[in-house]
PDB file of N, CA and C in Angstrom:
ATOM      1  N   MET A   1     -48.244  49.476  -8.064  1.00  0.00           N
ATOM      2  CA  MET A   1     -46.809  49.628  -8.075  1.00  0.00           C
ATOM      3  C   MET A   1     -46.379  49.676  -9.543  1.00  0.00           C
ATOM      4  N   ASN A   2     -45.644  50.737  -9.868  1.00  0.00           N
ATOM      5  CA  ASN A   2     -45.201  50.856 -11.247  1.00  0.00           C
ATOM      6  C   ASN A   2     -43.832  50.207 -11.422  1.00  0.00           C
ATOM      7  N   ARG A   3     -43.363  50.323 -12.590  1.00  0.00           N
ATOM      8  CA  ARG A   3     -42.131  49.610 -12.945  1.00  0.00           C
ATOM      9  C   ARG A   3     -40.924  50.112 -12.157  1.00  0.00           C
ATOM     10  N   THR A   4     -40.759  51.364 -11.975  1.00  0.00           N
ATOM     11  CA  THR A   4     -39.629  51.952 -11.269  1.00  0.00           C
ATOM     12  C   THR A   4     -39.627  51.519  -9.806  1.00  0.00           C
ATOM     13  N   GLU A   5     -40.786  51.550  -9.170  1.00  0.00           N
ATOM     14  CA  GLU A   5     -40.874  51.133  -7.768  1.00  0.00           C
ATOM     15  C   GLU A   5     -40.528  49.637  -7.626  1.00  0.00           C
ATOM     16  N   PHE A   6     -40.975  48.845  -8.577  1.00  0.00           N
ATOM     17  CA  PHE A   6     -40.694  47.409  -8.548  1.00  0.00           C
ATOM     18  C   PHE A   6     -39.183  47.155  -8.658  1.00  0.00           C
ATOM     19  N   ILE A   7     -38.512  47.901  -9.528  1.00  0.00           N
ATOM     20  CA  ILE A   7     -37.062  47.743  -9.698  1.00  0.00           C
ATOM     21  C   ILE A   7     -36.337  48.159  -8.422  1.00  0.00           C
ATOM     22  N   ILE A   8     -36.770  49.263  -7.792  1.00  0.00           N
ATOM     23  CA  ILE A   8     -36.115  49.738  -6.567  1.00  0.00           C
ATOM     24  C   ILE A   8     -36.321  48.731  -5.432  1.00  0.00           C
ATOM     25  N   VAL A   9     -37.525  48.214  -5.267  1.00  0.00           N
ATOM     26  CA  VAL A   9     -37.805  47.240  -4.211  1.00  0.00           C
ATOM     27  C   VAL A   9     -36.997  45.959  -4.451  1.00  0.00           C
ATOM     28  N   THR A  10     -36.918  45.507  -5.671  1.00  0.00           N
ATOM     29  CA  THR A  10     -36.141  44.308  -5.994  1.00  0.00           C
ATOM     30  C   THR A  10     -34.660  44.541  -5.697  1.00  0.00           C
ATOM     31  N   ALA A  11     -34.140  45.729  -6.038  1.00  0.00           N
ATOM     32  CA  ALA A  11     -32.736  46.058  -5.771  1.00  0.00           C
ATOM     33  C   ALA A  11     -32.473  46.084  -4.273  1.00  0.00           C
ATOM     34  N   ILE A  12     -33.391  46.653  -3.491  1.00  0.00           N
ATOM     35  CA  ILE A  12     -33.222  46.699  -2.040  1.00  0.00           C
ATOM     36  C   ILE A  12     -33.241  45.289  -1.460  1.00  0.00           C
ATOM     37  N   ILE A  13     -34.145  44.453  -1.924  1.00  0.00           N
ATOM     38  CA  ILE A  13     -34.225  43.068  -1.430  1.00  0.00           C
ATOM     39  C   ILE A  13     -32.942  42.302  -1.767  1.00  0.00           C
ATOM     40  N   LEU A  14     -32.442  42.465  -2.975  1.00  0.00           N
ATOM     41  CA  LEU A  14     -31.200  41.802  -3.362  1.00  0.00           C
ATOM     42  C   LEU A  14     -30.014  42.309  -2.555  1.00  0.00           C
ATOM     43  N   PHE A  15     -29.971  43.621  -2.291  1.00  0.00           N
ATOM     44  CA  PHE A  15     -28.883  44.174  -1.491  1.00  0.00           C
ATOM     45  C   PHE A  15     -28.927  43.646  -0.056  1.00  0.00           C
ATOM     46  N   VAL A  16     -30.141  43.569   0.523  1.00  0.00           N
ATOM     47  CA  VAL A  16     -30.282  43.037   1.881  1.00  0.00           C
ATOM     48  C   VAL A  16     -29.867  41.559   1.909  1.00  0.00           C
ATOM     49  N   ALA A  17     -30.231  40.793   0.896  1.00  0.00           N
ATOM     50  CA  ALA A  17     -29.836  39.395   0.838  1.00  0.00           C
ATOM     51  C   ALA A  17     -28.314  39.274   0.728  1.00  0.00           C
ATOM     52  N   PHE A  18     -27.708  40.139  -0.093  1.00  0.00           N
ATOM     53  CA  PHE A  18     -26.258  40.145  -0.210  1.00  0.00           C
ATOM     54  C   PHE A  18     -25.601  40.496   1.126  1.00  0.00           C
ATOM     55  N   ALA A  19     -26.116  41.520   1.794  1.00  0.00           N
ATOM     56  CA  ALA A  19     -25.547  41.948   3.077  1.00  0.00           C
ATOM     57  C   ALA A  19     -25.680  40.839   4.123  1.00  0.00           C
ATOM     58  N   LEU A  20     -26.824  40.168   4.179  1.00  0.00           N
ATOM     59  CA  LEU A  20     -27.002  39.066   5.126  1.00  0.00           C
ATOM     60  C   LEU A  20     -26.056  37.907   4.807  1.00  0.00           C
ATOM     61  N   GLY A  21     -25.870  37.592   3.562  1.00  0.00           N
ATOM     62  CA  GLY A  21     -24.958  36.528   3.162  1.00  0.00           C
ATOM     63  C   GLY A  21     -23.521  36.866   3.524  1.00  0.00           C
ATOM     64  N   TRP A  22     -23.125  38.117   3.256  1.00  0.00           N
ATOM     65  CA  TRP A  22     -21.764  38.530   3.595  1.00  0.00           C
ATOM     66  C   TRP A  22     -21.556  38.491   5.104  1.00  0.00           C
ATOM     67  N   PHE A  23     -22.549  38.969   5.878  1.00  0.00           N
ATOM     68  CA  PHE A  23     -22.449  38.965   7.338  1.00  0.00           C
ATOM     69  C   PHE A  23     -22.373  37.520   7.859  1.00  0.00           C
ATOM     70  N   ALA A  24     -23.167  36.624   7.298  1.00  0.00           N
ATOM     71  CA  ALA A  24     -23.125  35.223   7.725  1.00  0.00           C
ATOM     72  C   ALA A  24     -21.760  34.613   7.415  1.00  0.00           C
ATOM     73  N   HIS A  25     -21.209  34.922   6.255  1.00  0.00           N
ATOM     74  CA  HIS A  25     -19.885  34.420   5.903  1.00  0.00           C
ATOM     75  C   HIS A  25     -18.836  34.956   6.868  1.00  0.00           C
ATOM     76  N   TRP A  26     -18.867  36.247   7.161  1.00  0.00           N
ATOM     77  CA  TRP A  26     -17.907  36.853   8.081  1.00  0.00           C
ATOM     78  C   TRP A  26     -18.018  36.230   9.470  1.00  0.00           C
ATOM     79  N   LEU A  27     -19.262  36.039   9.913  1.00  0.00           N
ATOM     80  CA  LEU A  27     -19.488  35.454  11.230  1.00  0.00           C
ATOM     81  C   LEU A  27     -18.965  34.015  11.291  1.00  0.00           C
ATOM     82  N   LEU A  28     -19.259  33.240  10.290  1.00  0.00           N
ATOM     83  CA  LEU A  28     -18.787  31.860  10.234  1.00  0.00           C
ATOM     84  C   LEU A  28     -17.262  31.805  10.176  1.00  0.00           C
ATOM     85  N   HIS A  29     -16.658  32.671   9.379  1.00  0.00           N
ATOM     86  CA  HIS A  29     -15.204  32.705   9.264  1.00  0.00           C
ATOM     87  C   HIS A  29     -14.568  33.108  10.594  1.00  0.00           C
ATOM     88  N   ARG A  30     -15.176  34.019  11.288  1.00  0.00           N
ATOM     89  CA  ARG A  30     -14.631  34.489  12.569  1.00  0.00           C
ATOM     90  C   ARG A  30     -14.659  33.382  13.620  1.00  0.00           C
ATOM     91  N   PHE A  31     -15.728  32.594  13.650  1.00  0.00           N
ATOM     92  CA  PHE A  31     -15.837  31.546  14.666  1.00  0.00           C
ATOM     93  C   PHE A  31     -15.078  30.274  14.292  1.00  0.00           C
ATOM     94  N   SER A  32     -14.820  30.082  13.038  1.00  0.00           N
ATOM     95  CA  SER A  32     -14.121  28.855  12.621  1.00  0.00           C
ATOM     96  C   SER A  32     -12.650  29.109  12.326  1.00  0.00           C
ATOM     97  N   ARG A  33     -12.123  30.224  12.739  1.00  0.00           N
ATOM     98  CA  ARG A  33     -10.717  30.553  12.506  1.00  0.00           C
ATOM     99  C   ARG A  33      -9.831  29.573  13.275  1.00  0.00           C
ATOM    100  N   VAL A  34      -8.764  29.135  12.638  1.00  0.00           N
ATOM    101  CA  VAL A  34      -7.848  28.172  13.233  1.00  0.00           C
ATOM    102  C   VAL A  34      -6.775  28.936  14.006  1.00  0.00           C
ATOM    103  N   ALA A  35      -6.529  28.508  15.240  1.00  0.00           N
ATOM    104  CA  ALA A  35      -5.518  29.161  16.063  1.00  0.00           C
ATOM    105  C   ALA A  35      -4.122  28.771  15.577  1.00  0.00           C
ATOM    106  N   SER A  36      -3.132  29.598  15.887  1.00  0.00           N
ATOM    107  CA  SER A  36      -1.769  29.335  15.428  1.00  0.00           C
ATOM    108  C   SER A  36      -1.218  28.064  16.077  1.00  0.00           C
ATOM    109  N   GLY A  37      -1.618  27.761  17.299  1.00  0.00           N
ATOM    110  CA  GLY A  37      -1.195  26.515  17.947  1.00  0.00           C
ATOM    111  C   GLY A  37      -1.732  25.315  17.213  1.00  0.00           C
ATOM    112  N   ASP A  38      -2.960  25.429  16.727  1.00  0.00           N
ATOM    113  CA  ASP A  38      -3.548  24.334  15.964  1.00  0.00           C
ATOM    114  C   ASP A  38      -2.822  24.143  14.635  1.00  0.00           C
ATOM    115  N   VAL A  39      -2.391  25.221  14.017  1.00  0.00           N
ATOM    116  CA  VAL A  39      -1.660  25.130  12.753  1.00  0.00           C
ATOM    117  C   VAL A  39      -0.340  24.400  12.968  1.00  0.00           C
ATOM    118  N   SER A  40       0.367  24.720  14.060  1.00  0.00           N
ATOM    119  CA  SER A  40       1.632  24.030  14.319  1.00  0.00           C
ATOM    120  C   SER A  40       1.381  22.555  14.625  1.00  0.00           C
ATOM    121  N   GLU A  41       0.276  22.256  15.307  1.00  0.00           N
ATOM    122  CA  GLU A  41      -0.078  20.858  15.580  1.00  0.00           C
ATOM    123  C   GLU A  41      -0.389  20.118  14.280  1.00  0.00           C
ATOM    124  N   ILE A  42      -1.095  20.775  13.383  1.00  0.00           N
ATOM    125  CA  ILE A  42      -1.413  20.173  12.082  1.00  0.00           C
ATOM    126  C   ILE A  42      -0.129  19.938  11.292  1.00  0.00           C
ATOM    127  N   ASP A  43       0.799  20.900  11.330  1.00  0.00           N
ATOM    128  CA  ASP A  43       2.078  20.727  10.637  1.00  0.00           C
ATOM    129  C   ASP A  43       2.865  19.552  11.223  1.00  0.00           C
ATOM    130  N   ARG A  44       2.860  19.431  12.548  1.00  0.00           N
ATOM    131  CA  ARG A  44       3.563  18.328  13.202  1.00  0.00           C
ATOM    132  C   ARG A  44       2.940  16.987  12.808  1.00  0.00           C
ATOM    133  N   LEU A  45       1.605  16.938  12.790  1.00  0.00           N
ATOM    134  CA  LEU A  45       0.921  15.705  12.396  1.00  0.00           C
ATOM    135  C   LEU A  45       1.198  15.359  10.934  1.00  0.00           C
ATOM    136  N   ALA A  46       1.250  16.375  10.086  1.00  0.00           N
ATOM    137  CA  ALA A  46       1.550  16.138   8.668  1.00  0.00           C
ATOM    138  C   ALA A  46       2.964  15.582   8.512  1.00  0.00           C
ATOM    139  N   GLN A  47       3.915  16.128   9.277  1.00  0.00           N
ATOM    140  CA  GLN A  47       5.287  15.635   9.212  1.00  0.00           C
ATOM    141  C   GLN A  47       5.354  14.191   9.709  1.00  0.00           C
ATOM    142  N   SER A  48       4.651  13.898  10.795  1.00  0.00           N
ATOM    143  CA  SER A  48       4.632  12.525  11.325  1.00  0.00           C
ATOM    144  C   SER A  48       4.026  11.564  10.311  1.00  0.00           C
ATOM    145  N   LEU A  49       2.958  11.987   9.664  1.00  0.00           N
ATOM    146  CA  LEU A  49       2.323  11.150   8.641  1.00  0.00           C
ATOM    147  C   LEU A  49       3.279  10.905   7.487  1.00  0.00           C
ATOM    148  N   HIS A  50       3.990  11.931   7.074  1.00  0.00           N
ATOM    149  CA  HIS A  50       4.948  11.785   5.975  1.00  0.00           C
ATOM    150  C   HIS A  50       6.044  10.789   6.359  1.00  0.00           C
ATOM    151  N   GLU A  51       6.563  10.893   7.573  1.00  0.00           N
ATOM    152  CA  GLU A  51       7.603   9.965   8.031  1.00  0.00           C
ATOM    153  C   GLU A  51       7.066   8.539   8.101  1.00  0.00           C
ATOM    154  N   ALA A  52       5.833   8.393   8.570  1.00  0.00           N
ATOM    155  CA  ALA A  52       5.230   7.053   8.644  1.00  0.00           C
ATOM    156  C   ALA A  52       5.052   6.456   7.254  1.00  0.00           C
ATOM    157  N   GLU A  53       4.663   7.266   6.296  1.00  0.00           N
ATOM    158  CA  GLU A  53       4.514   6.775   4.923  1.00  0.00           C
ATOM    159  C   GLU A  53       5.863   6.358   4.349  1.00  0.00           C
ATOM    160  N   GLU A  54       6.908   7.127   4.625  1.00  0.00           N
ATOM    161  CA  GLU A  54       8.241   6.754   4.153  1.00  0.00           C
ATOM    162  C   GLU A  54       8.686   5.435   4.778  1.00  0.00           C
ATOM    163  N   THR A  55       8.435   5.281   6.067  1.00  0.00           N
ATOM    164  CA  THR A  55       8.789   4.037   6.755  1.00  0.00           C
ATOM    165  C   THR A  55       8.035   2.860   6.162  1.00  0.00           C
ATOM    166  N   ARG A  56       6.738   3.065   5.886  1.00  0.00           N
ATOM    167  CA  ARG A  56       5.930   2.012   5.268  1.00  0.00           C
ATOM    168  C   ARG A  56       6.475   1.640   3.894  1.00  0.00           C
ATOM    169  N   ASP A  57       6.833   2.650   3.103  1.00  0.00           N
ATOM    170  CA  ASP A  57       7.378   2.377   1.770  1.00  0.00           C
ATOM    171  C   ASP A  57       8.692   1.605   1.864  1.00  0.00           C
ATOM    172  N   GLN A  58       9.535   1.964   2.835  1.00  0.00           N
ATOM    173  CA  GLN A  58      10.789   1.246   3.015  1.00  0.00           C
ATOM    174  C   GLN A  58      10.523  -0.198   3.429  1.00  0.00           C
ATOM    175  N   ALA A  59       9.547  -0.396   4.306  1.00  0.00           N
ATOM    176  CA  ALA A  59       9.211  -1.750   4.752  1.00  0.00           C
ATOM    177  C   ALA A  59       8.678  -2.586   3.590  1.00  0.00           C
ATOM    178  N   ILE A  60       7.849  -1.988   2.771  1.00  0.00           N
ATOM    179  CA  ILE A  60       7.308  -2.705   1.611  1.00  0.00           C
ATOM    180  C   ILE A  60       8.436  -3.092   0.662  1.00  0.00           C
ATOM    181  N   THR A  61       9.355  -2.164   0.416  1.00  0.00           N
ATOM    182  CA  THR A  61      10.487  -2.452  -0.465  1.00  0.00           C
ATOM    183  C   THR A  61      11.332  -3.582   0.100  1.00  0.00           C
ATOM    184  N   TYR A  62      11.604  -3.534   1.417  1.00  0.00           N
ATOM    185  CA  TYR A  62      12.397  -4.584   2.051  1.00  0.00           C
ATOM    186  C   TYR A  62      11.697  -5.936   1.929  1.00  0.00           C
ATOM    187  N   LEU A  63      10.382  -5.940   2.184  1.00  0.00           N
ATOM    188  CA  LEU A  63       9.639  -7.200   2.096  1.00  0.00           C
ATOM    189  C   LEU A  63       9.626  -7.756   0.677  1.00  0.00           C
ATOM    190  N   GLN A  64       9.517  -6.889  -0.302  1.00  0.00           N
ATOM    191  CA  GLN A  64       9.539  -7.351  -1.687  1.00  0.00           C
ATOM    192  C   GLN A  64      10.905  -7.944  -2.036  1.00  0.00           C
ATOM    193  N   GLN A  65      11.975  -7.289  -1.590  1.00  0.00           N
ATOM    194  CA  GLN A  65      13.315  -7.820  -1.845  1.00  0.00           C
ATOM    195  C   GLN A  65      13.505  -9.157  -1.139  1.00  0.00           C
ATOM    196  N   ARG A  66      13.058  -9.229   0.102  1.00  0.00           N
ATOM    197  CA  ARG A  66      13.200 -10.466   0.879  1.00  0.00           C
ATOM    198  C   ARG A  66      12.385 -11.593   0.246  1.00  0.00           C
ATOM    199  N   GLU A  67      11.181 -11.262  -0.233  1.00  0.00           N
ATOM    200  CA  GLU A  67      10.343 -12.268  -0.886  1.00  0.00           C
ATOM    201  C   GLU A  67      11.007 -12.786  -2.153  1.00  0.00           C
ATOM    202  N   ALA A  68      11.604 -11.888  -2.932  1.00  0.00           N
ATOM    203  CA  ALA A  68      12.293 -12.311  -4.154  1.00  0.00           C
ATOM    204  C   ALA A  68      13.485 -13.203  -3.812  1.00  0.00           C
ATOM    205  N   GLU A  69      14.215 -12.835  -2.753  1.00  0.00           N
ATOM    206  CA  GLU A  69      15.359 -13.638  -2.330  1.00  0.00           C
ATOM    207  C   GLU A  69      14.921 -15.024  -1.864  1.00  0.00           C
ATOM    208  N   MET A  70      13.862 -15.076  -1.060  1.00  0.00           N
ATOM    209  CA  MET A  70      13.367 -16.358  -0.565  1.00  0.00           C
ATOM    210  C   MET A  70      12.814 -17.214  -1.706  1.00  0.00           C
ATOM    211  N   SER A  71      12.153 -16.599  -2.653  1.00  0.00           N
ATOM    212  CA  SER A  71      11.637 -17.327  -3.805  1.00  0.00           C
ATOM    213  C   SER A  71      12.786 -17.930  -4.614  1.00  0.00           C
ATOM    214  N   SER A  72      13.850 -17.148  -4.771  1.00  0.00           N
ATOM    215  CA  SER A  72      15.019 -17.644  -5.484  1.00  0.00           C
ATOM    216  C   SER A  72      15.637 -18.830  -4.744  1.00  0.00           C
ATOM    217  N   GLN A  73      15.758 -18.711  -3.428  1.00  0.00           N
ATOM    218  CA  GLN A  73      16.301 -19.817  -2.638  1.00  0.00           C
ATOM    219  C   GLN A  73      15.414 -21.057  -2.730  1.00  0.00           C
ATOM    220  N   LEU A  74      14.103 -20.861  -2.735  1.00  0.00           N
ATOM    221  CA  LEU A  74      13.175 -21.978  -2.849  1.00  0.00           C
ATOM    222  C   LEU A  74      13.340 -22.688  -4.185  1.00  0.00           C
ATOM    223  N   HIS A  75      13.421 -21.921  -5.265  1.00  0.00           N
ATOM    224  CA  HIS A  75      13.601 -22.532  -6.585  1.00  0.00           C
ATOM    225  C   HIS A  75      14.927 -23.294  -6.656  1.00  0.00           C
ATOM    226  N   GLN A  76      15.965 -22.725  -6.041  1.00  0.00           N
ATOM    227  CA  GLN A  76      17.261 -23.394  -6.029  1.00  0.00           C
ATOM    228  C   GLN A  76      17.178 -24.699  -5.231  1.00  0.00           C
ATOM    229  N   ALA A  77      16.508 -24.659  -4.078  1.00  0.00           N
ATOM    230  CA  ALA A  77      16.373 -25.868  -3.259  1.00  0.00           C
ATOM    231  C   ALA A  77      15.556 -26.927  -3.987  1.00  0.00           C
ATOM    232  N   GLU A  78      14.509 -26.512  -4.695  1.00  0.00           N
ATOM    233  CA  GLU A  78      13.702 -27.465  -5.464  1.00  0.00           C
ATOM    234  C   GLU A  78      14.526 -28.097  -6.575  1.00  0.00           C
ATOM    235  N   ALA A  79      15.366 -27.288  -7.230  1.00  0.00           N
ATOM    236  CA  ALA A  79      16.225 -27.836  -8.287  1.00  0.00           C
ATOM    237  C   ALA A  79      17.220 -28.835  -7.706  1.00  0.00           C
ATOM    238  N   GLU A  80      17.797 -28.485  -6.554  1.00  0.00           N
ATOM    239  CA  GLU A  80      18.730 -29.413  -5.908  1.00  0.00           C
ATOM    240  C   GLU A  80      18.015 -30.690  -5.482  1.00  0.00           C
ATOM    241  N   LEU A  81      16.789 -30.581  -4.989  1.00  0.00           N
ATOM    242  CA  LEU A  81      16.019 -31.752  -4.595  1.00  0.00           C
ATOM    243  C   LEU A  81      15.747 -32.652  -5.793  1.00  0.00           C
ATOM    244  N   ARG A  82      15.345 -32.058  -6.903  1.00  0.00           N
ATOM    245  CA  ARG A  82      15.101 -32.847  -8.113  1.00  0.00           C
ATOM    246  C   ARG A  82      16.378 -33.576  -8.542  1.00  0.00           C
ATOM    247  N   ALA A  83      17.515 -32.863  -8.494  1.00  0.00           N
ATOM    248  CA  ALA A  83      18.782 -33.494  -8.885  1.00  0.00           C
ATOM    249  C   ALA A  83      19.131 -34.634  -7.928  1.00  0.00           C
ATOM    250  N   ALA A  84      18.914 -34.420  -6.628  1.00  0.00           N
ATOM    251  CA  ALA A  84      19.206 -35.464  -5.642  1.00  0.00           C
ATOM    252  C   ALA A  84      18.290 -36.666  -5.851  1.00  0.00           C
ATOM    253  N   MET A  85      17.010 -36.418  -6.136  1.00  0.00           N
ATOM    254  CA  MET A  85      16.075 -37.524  -6.361  1.00  0.00           C
ATOM    255  C   MET A  85      16.459 -38.322  -7.605  1.00  0.00           C
ATOM    256  N   GLU A  86      16.883 -37.632  -8.650  1.00  0.00           N
ATOM    257  CA  GLU A  86      17.324 -38.339  -9.853  1.00  0.00           C
ATOM    258  C   GLU A  86      18.573 -39.167  -9.562  1.00  0.00           C
ATOM    259  N   GLY A  87      19.511 -38.584  -8.780  1.00  0.00           N
ATOM    260  CA  GLY A  87      20.714 -39.331  -8.411  1.00  0.00           C
ATOM    261  C   GLY A  87      20.361 -40.544  -7.567  1.00  0.00           C
ATOM    262  N   LEU A  88      19.430 -40.382  -6.628  1.00  0.00           N
ATOM    263  CA  LEU A  88      18.999 -41.501  -5.789  1.00  0.00           C
ATOM    264  C   LEU A  88      18.318 -42.582  -6.643  1.00  0.00           C
ATOM    265  N   ARG A  89      17.506 -42.180  -7.590  1.00  0.00           N
ATOM    266  CA  ARG A  89      16.835 -43.140  -8.468  1.00  0.00           C
ATOM    267  C   ARG A  89      17.868 -43.919  -9.276  1.00  0.00           C
ATOM    268  N   ASP A  90      18.856 -43.194  -9.794  1.00  0.00           N
ATOM    269  CA  ASP A  90      19.919 -43.866 -10.550  1.00  0.00           C
ATOM    270  C   ASP A  90      20.708 -44.822  -9.659  1.00  0.00           C
ATOM    271  N   ALA A  91      20.999 -44.396  -8.422  1.00  0.00           N
ATOM    272  CA  ALA A  91      21.756 -45.257  -7.501  1.00  0.00           C
ATOM    273  C   ALA A  91      20.953 -46.497  -7.145  1.00  0.00           C
ATOM    274  N   ARG A  92      19.643 -46.339  -6.920  1.00  0.00           N
ATOM    275  CA  ARG A  92      18.798 -47.511  -6.620  1.00  0.00           C
ATOM    276  C   ARG A  92      18.773 -48.473  -7.808  1.00  0.00           C
ATOM    277  N   HIS A  93      18.657 -47.913  -8.996  1.00  0.00           N
ATOM    278  CA  HIS A  93      18.633 -48.743 -10.190  1.00  0.00           C
ATOM    279  C   HIS A  93      19.963 -49.503 -10.327  1.00  0.00           C
ATOM    280  N   GLU A  94      21.056 -48.823 -10.089  1.00  0.00           N
ATOM    281  CA  GLU A  94      22.368 -49.460 -10.179  1.00  0.00           C
ATOM    282  C   GLU A  94      22.527 -50.528  -9.090  1.00  0.00           C
ATOM    283  N   ALA A  95      22.010 -50.216  -7.871  1.00  0.00           N
ATOM    284  CA  ALA A  95      22.083 -51.193  -6.777  1.00  0.00           C
ATOM    285  C   ALA A  95      21.274 -52.435  -7.129  1.00  0.00           C
ATOM    286  N   GLU A  96      20.114 -52.278  -7.726  1.00  0.00           N
ATOM    287  CA  GLU A  96      19.301 -53.424  -8.152  1.00  0.00           C
ATOM    288  C   GLU A  96      20.040 -54.248  -9.197  1.00  0.00           C
ATOM    289  N   GLU A  97      20.677 -53.565 -10.137  1.00  0.00           N
ATOM    290  CA  GLU A  97      21.435 -54.292 -11.152  1.00  0.00           C
ATOM    291  C   GLU A  97      22.580 -55.082 -10.517  1.00  0.00           C
ATOM    292  N   LEU A  98      23.262 -54.437  -9.542  1.00  0.00           N
ATOM    293  CA  LEU A  98      24.363 -55.137  -8.867  1.00  0.00           C
ATOM    294  C   LEU A  98      23.848 -56.326  -8.054  1.00  0.00           C
ATOM    295  N   ARG A  99      22.714 -56.198  -7.367  1.00  0.00           N
ATOM    296  CA  ARG A  99      22.129 -57.317  -6.616  1.00  0.00           C
ATOM    297  C   ARG A  99      21.785 -58.467  -7.562  1.00  0.00           C
ATOM    298  N   ALA A 100      21.182 -58.109  -8.671  1.00  0.00           N
ATOM    299  CA  ALA A 100      20.821 -59.140  -9.646  1.00  0.00           C
ATOM    300  C   ALA A 100      22.079 -59.828 -10.177  1.00  0.00           C
ATOM    301  N   TYR A 101      23.112 -59.069 -10.424  1.00  0.00           N
ATOM    302  CA  TYR A 101      24.372 -59.646 -10.929  1.00  0.00           C
ATOM    303  C   TYR A 101      24.991 -60.557  -9.872  1.00  0.00           C
ATOM    304  N   ILE A 102      24.979 -60.087  -8.596  1.00  0.00           N
ATOM    305  CA  ILE A 102      25.557 -60.902  -7.513  1.00  0.00           C
ATOM    306  C   ILE A 102      24.759 -62.186  -7.329  1.00  0.00           C
ATOM    307  N   GLU A 103      23.456 -62.100  -7.354  1.00  0.00           N
ATOM    308  CA  GLU A 103      22.617 -63.298  -7.221  1.00  0.00           C
ATOM    309  C   GLU A 103      22.868 -64.255  -8.374  1.00  0.00           C
ATOM    310  N   GLN A 104      23.030 -63.702  -9.543  1.00  0.00           N
ATOM    311  CA  GLN A 104      23.292 -64.539 -10.717  1.00  0.00           C
ATOM    312  C   GLN A 104      24.654 -65.234 -10.581  1.00  0.00           C
ATOM    313  N   MET A 105      25.631 -64.487 -10.053  1.00  0.00           N
ATOM    314  CA  MET A 105      26.969 -65.051  -9.864  1.00  0.00           C
ATOM    315  C   MET A 105      26.941 -66.114  -8.748  1.00  0.00           C
ATOM    316  N   ASN A 106      26.154 -65.925  -7.703  1.00  0.00           N
ATOM    317  CA  ASN A 106      26.075 -66.882  -6.601  1.00  0.00           C
ATOM    318  C   ASN A 106      25.350 -68.153  -7.021  1.00  0.00           C
ATOM    319  N   GLN A 107      24.443 -68.055  -7.929  1.00  0.00           N
ATOM    320  CA  GLN A 107      23.710 -69.231  -8.381  1.00  0.00           C
ATOM    321  C   GLN A 107      24.565 -70.110  -9.279  1.00  0.00           C
ATOM    322  N   ARG A 108      25.567 -69.647  -9.838  1.00  0.00           N
ATOM    323  CA  ARG A 108      26.414 -70.453 -10.731  1.00  0.00           C
ATOM    324  C   ARG A 108      27.341 -71.277  -9.994  1.00  0.00           C
TER     325      ARG A 108
END
């Protein structure tokens, strides 16, 4: 086999490989084609997914706001508790002083 024959045989083999590849692609594309009903179903599902994501985002935002509000209320209640405990401690201390004063006055 000389050089020219080798080039022609190689070209024919490459062309046949190209033709088989193109035919396989066409065949695969023909059998995997999406029907128009399926496209509308996919669009409907995409819209539903988008709405669900928006609802989730709104819920997350609401929960974050509610958590911040509850945290603020908790800090306020803790501050009020501390103030009440200090007032109670002062009142107990004053009551002890008054008891001691009354006992001292009764002993005289």
